């Protein structure tokens, strides 16, 4: 299953996951504004990964 993901896919997934975890740590430590700011990065990172996949698939066609 993991062989179908490229190194870029894995790196972006880890970046999004770490952003989510760091955001939760900040939130529970009382820094809510910083946590919300970093939490907004998660969908942006994942959307960037989707964009890269689309661009790569267009090149291969």
C-alpha atoms as a PDB file:
ATOM      1  CA  UNK A   1       0.000   0.000   0.000  1.00  0.00           C
ATOM      2  CA  UNK A   2       2.739   2.490   0.885  1.00  0.00           C
ATOM      3  CA  UNK A   3       4.605   1.761  -2.351  1.00  0.00           C
ATOM      4  CA  UNK A   4       2.009   3.682  -4.342  1.00  0.00           C
ATOM      5  CA  UNK A   5       2.991   6.919  -2.557  1.00  0.00           C
ATOM      6  CA  UNK A   6       6.047   8.819  -3.709  1.00  0.00           C
ATOM      7  CA  UNK A   7       8.594  10.371  -1.383  1.00  0.00           C
ATOM      8  CA  UNK A   8       6.985  13.777  -1.967  1.00  0.00           C
ATOM      9  CA  UNK A   9       3.576  12.440  -0.962  1.00  0.00           C
ATOM     10  CA  UNK A  10       4.978  10.990   2.239  1.00  0.00           C
ATOM     11  CA  UNK A  11       6.869  14.182   3.063  1.00  0.00           C
ATOM     12  CA  UNK A  12       3.787  16.369   2.598  1.00  0.00           C
ATOM     13  CA  UNK A  13       1.667  13.990   4.687  1.00  0.00           C
ATOM     14  CA  UNK A  14       4.238  14.050   7.509  1.00  0.00           C
ATOM     15  CA  UNK A  15       4.404  17.863   7.310  1.00  0.00           C
ATOM     16  CA  UNK A  16       0.618  18.137   7.567  1.00  0.00           C
ATOM     17  CA  UNK A  17       0.499  15.641  10.445  1.00  0.00           C
ATOM     18  CA  UNK A  18       3.259  17.429  12.376  1.00  0.00           C
ATOM     19  CA  UNK A  19       1.504  20.744  11.823  1.00  0.00           C
ATOM     20  CA  UNK A  20      -1.685  19.281  13.267  1.00  0.00           C
ATOM     21  CA  UNK A  21       0.107  17.841  16.304  1.00  0.00           C
ATOM     22  CA  UNK A  22       2.017  21.071  16.959  1.00  0.00           C
ATOM     23  CA  UNK A  23      -1.207  23.047  16.656  1.00  0.00           C
ATOM     24  CA  UNK A  24      -2.903  20.829  19.242  1.00  0.00           C
ATOM     25  CA  UNK A  25       0.050  21.144  21.614  1.00  0.00           C
ATOM     26  CA  UNK A  26      -0.102  24.924  21.360  1.00  0.00           C
ATOM     27  CA  UNK A  27      -3.864  24.938  21.863  1.00  0.00           C
ATOM     28  CA  UNK A  28      -3.725  22.867  25.041  1.00  0.00           C
ATOM     29  CA  UNK A  29      -0.904  25.041  26.370  1.00  0.00           C
ATOM     30  CA  UNK A  30      -3.187  28.070  26.138  1.00  0.00           C
ATOM     31  CA  UNK A  31      -1.781  29.710  23.010  1.00  0.00           C
ATOM     32  CA  UNK A  32      -5.008  29.564  21.054  1.00  0.00           C
ATOM     33  CA  UNK A  33      -4.232  32.215  18.427  1.00  0.00           C
ATOM     34  CA  UNK A  34      -0.942  30.571  17.478  1.00  0.00           C
ATOM     35  CA  UNK A  35      -2.614  27.158  17.425  1.00  0.00           C
ATOM     36  CA  UNK A  36      -5.340  28.341  15.072  1.00  0.00           C
ATOM     37  CA  UNK A  37      -2.772  29.968  12.789  1.00  0.00           C
ATOM     38  CA  UNK A  38      -0.716  26.773  12.529  1.00  0.00           C
ATOM     39  CA  UNK A  39      -3.837  24.612  12.286  1.00  0.00           C
ATOM     40  CA  UNK A  40      -4.818  26.469   9.123  1.00  0.00           C
ATOM     41  CA  UNK A  41      -1.621  25.161   7.493  1.00  0.00           C
ATOM     42  CA  UNK A  42      -2.885  21.558   7.444  1.00  0.00           C
ATOM     43  CA  UNK A  43      -5.441  21.884   4.631  1.00  0.00           C
ATOM     44  CA  UNK A  44      -3.079  24.187   2.761  1.00  0.00           C
ATOM     45  CA  UNK A  45      -0.278  21.610   2.832  1.00  0.00           C
ATOM     46  CA  UNK A  46      -2.631  18.838   1.728  1.00  0.00           C
ATOM     47  CA  UNK A  47      -4.069  21.013  -1.061  1.00  0.00           C
ATOM     48  CA  UNK A  48      -0.547  21.759  -2.262  1.00  0.00           C
ATOM     49  CA  UNK A  49       0.109  18.010  -2.415  1.00  0.00           C
ATOM     50  CA  UNK A  50      -3.011  17.510  -4.518  1.00  0.00           C
ATOM     51  CA  UNK A  51      -1.907  20.327  -6.807  1.00  0.00           C
ATOM     52  CA  UNK A  52       1.494  18.696  -7.288  1.00  0.00           C
ATOM     53  CA  UNK A  53      -0.186  15.369  -8.108  1.00  0.00           C
ATOM     54  CA  UNK A  54      -2.407  17.045 -10.718  1.00  0.00           C
ATOM     55  CA  UNK A  55       0.501  18.858 -12.339  1.00  0.00           C
ATOM     56  CA  UNK A  56       2.532  15.643 -12.422  1.00  0.00           C
ATOM     57  CA  UNK A  57      -0.326  13.659 -13.964  1.00  0.00           C
ATOM     58  CA  UNK A  58      -0.812  16.306 -16.680  1.00  0.00           C
ATOM     59  CA  UNK A  59       2.887  16.050 -17.589  1.00  0.00           C
ATOM     60  CA  UNK A  60       2.638  12.275 -17.951  1.00  0.00           C
ATOM     61  CA  UNK A  61      -0.308  12.465 -20.377  1.00  0.00           C
END
